[in-house]
Amino acid sequence: MRRMFFGLVLCGLWVMVPAWATEVSPKGAKPLAEADIAQRMAKRGAELERLQQDVAAQESKSREADQKMQQQDKTIAELQRQLRELKGASAASRGQP
């Protein structure tokens, strides 16, 4: 999933680079210099890397929360089983003379 996202972002950057190259400043029809384009690409690349790290951290937190919830579900199921056994034992002891 992450590789597909990365590929889509790279394709998006590939499509946008020609658009950035032909951007004009508000003062006139001056195209952006290669250095400006390279700087923007580096900035976008750094932003992409940061976002990927953020996504990885969120996925890790999500997995940890899922594992914790599964453990809690198991604990609840075990406690419910014990409660049923106690209720059954209590009912059986009341029924005996």
Protein backbone atom coordinates (compact mmCIF):
# COMPACT_ATOMS: atom_id res chain seq x y z
CA MET A 1 0.00 0.00 0.00
CA ARG A 2 2.77 2.39 0.95
CA ARG A 3 4.70 1.61 -2.24
CA MET A 4 1.62 2.27 -4.34
CA PHE A 5 1.13 5.61 -2.55
CA PHE A 6 4.78 6.49 -3.07
CA GLY A 7 4.47 5.62 -6.77
CA LEU A 8 1.40 7.79 -7.14
CA VAL A 9 3.17 10.70 -5.49
CA LEU A 10 6.18 10.29 -7.75
CA CYS A 11 3.90 10.22 -10.79
CA GLY A 12 2.21 13.35 -9.52
CA LEU A 13 5.56 15.07 -9.11
CA TRP A 14 6.60 13.94 -12.57
CA VAL A 15 3.46 15.50 -14.01
CA MET A 16 3.83 18.70 -11.98
CA VAL A 17 7.48 19.45 -12.76
CA PRO A 18 6.75 20.75 -16.27
CA ALA A 19 4.00 22.94 -14.79
CA TRP A 20 6.41 24.38 -12.23
CA ALA A 21 8.96 25.01 -14.95
CA THR A 22 6.52 27.16 -16.89
CA GLU A 23 5.12 29.06 -13.90
CA VAL A 24 5.39 32.80 -14.18
CA SER A 25 6.08 35.23 -11.42
CA PRO A 26 3.42 37.87 -10.72
CA LYS A 27 5.70 40.58 -12.14
CA GLY A 28 6.20 39.07 -15.57
CA ALA A 29 6.72 36.05 -17.76
CA LYS A 30 9.95 34.83 -16.19
CA PRO A 31 10.19 31.01 -16.11
CA LEU A 32 11.57 29.35 -13.01
CA ALA A 33 15.24 28.54 -13.00
CA GLU A 34 16.41 24.93 -12.76
CA ALA A 35 17.78 25.69 -9.29
CA ASP A 36 14.31 26.79 -8.17
CA ILE A 37 12.79 23.62 -9.58
CA ALA A 38 15.43 21.48 -7.90
CA GLN A 39 14.84 23.29 -4.62
CA ARG A 40 11.08 22.72 -4.87
CA MET A 41 11.64 19.05 -5.72
CA ALA A 42 13.93 18.64 -2.72
CA LYS A 43 11.38 20.35 -0.48
CA ARG A 44 8.58 18.14 -1.80
CA GLY A 45 10.77 15.05 -1.40
CA ALA A 46 11.50 15.95 2.23
CA GLU A 47 7.81 16.58 2.84
CA LEU A 48 6.95 13.24 1.23
CA GLU A 49 9.48 11.44 3.45
CA ARG A 50 8.06 13.13 6.57
CA LEU A 51 4.53 12.17 5.58
CA GLN A 52 5.59 8.57 4.97
CA GLN A 53 7.17 8.46 8.41
CA ASP A 54 3.98 9.89 9.92
CA VAL A 55 1.90 7.25 8.15
CA ALA A 56 4.23 4.49 9.36
CA ALA A 57 3.98 5.78 12.94
CA GLN A 58 0.18 5.91 12.75
CA GLU A 59 0.05 2.39 11.32
CA SER A 60 2.26 1.16 14.16
CA LYS A 61 0.03 2.82 16.76
CA SER A 62 -3.02 1.33 15.10
CA ARG A 63 -1.51 -2.18 15.17
CA GLU A 64 -0.59 -1.78 18.85
CA ALA A 65 -4.09 -0.57 19.71
CA ASP A 66 -5.58 -3.50 17.78
CA GLN A 67 -3.41 -5.99 19.65
CA LYS A 68 -4.35 -4.41 22.98
CA MET A 69 -8.04 -4.56 22.09
CA GLN A 70 -7.76 -8.22 21.07
CA GLN A 71 -6.09 -9.02 24.38
CA GLN A 72 -8.85 -7.18 26.25
CA ASP A 73 -11.47 -9.12 24.29
CA LYS A 74 -9.80 -12.39 25.32
CA THR A 75 -9.72 -11.28 28.95
CA ILE A 76 -13.40 -10.33 28.84
CA ALA A 77 -14.33 -13.66 27.26
CA GLU A 78 -12.38 -15.53 29.96
CA LEU A 79 -14.05 -13.53 32.75
CA GLN A 80 -17.48 -14.17 31.23
CA ARG A 81 -16.71 -17.90 31.10
CA GLN A 82 -15.65 -17.89 34.75
CA LEU A 83 -18.79 -15.98 35.73
CA ARG A 84 -20.99 -18.53 33.94
CA GLU A 85 -19.19 -21.34 35.76
CA LEU A 86 -19.66 -19.62 39.12
CA LYS A 87 -23.35 -19.00 38.43
CA GLY A 88 -23.77 -22.64 37.42
CA ALA A 89 -21.97 -23.85 40.55
CA SER A 90 -24.00 -21.50 42.72
CA ALA A 91 -27.28 -22.68 41.18
CA ALA A 92 -26.27 -26.32 41.58
CA SER A 93 -25.36 -25.82 45.24
CA ARG A 94 -28.72 -24.15 45.95
CA GLY A 95 -30.57 -27.03 44.33
CA GLN A 96 -28.92 -29.64 46.55
CA PRO A 97 -30.51 -30.39 49.99
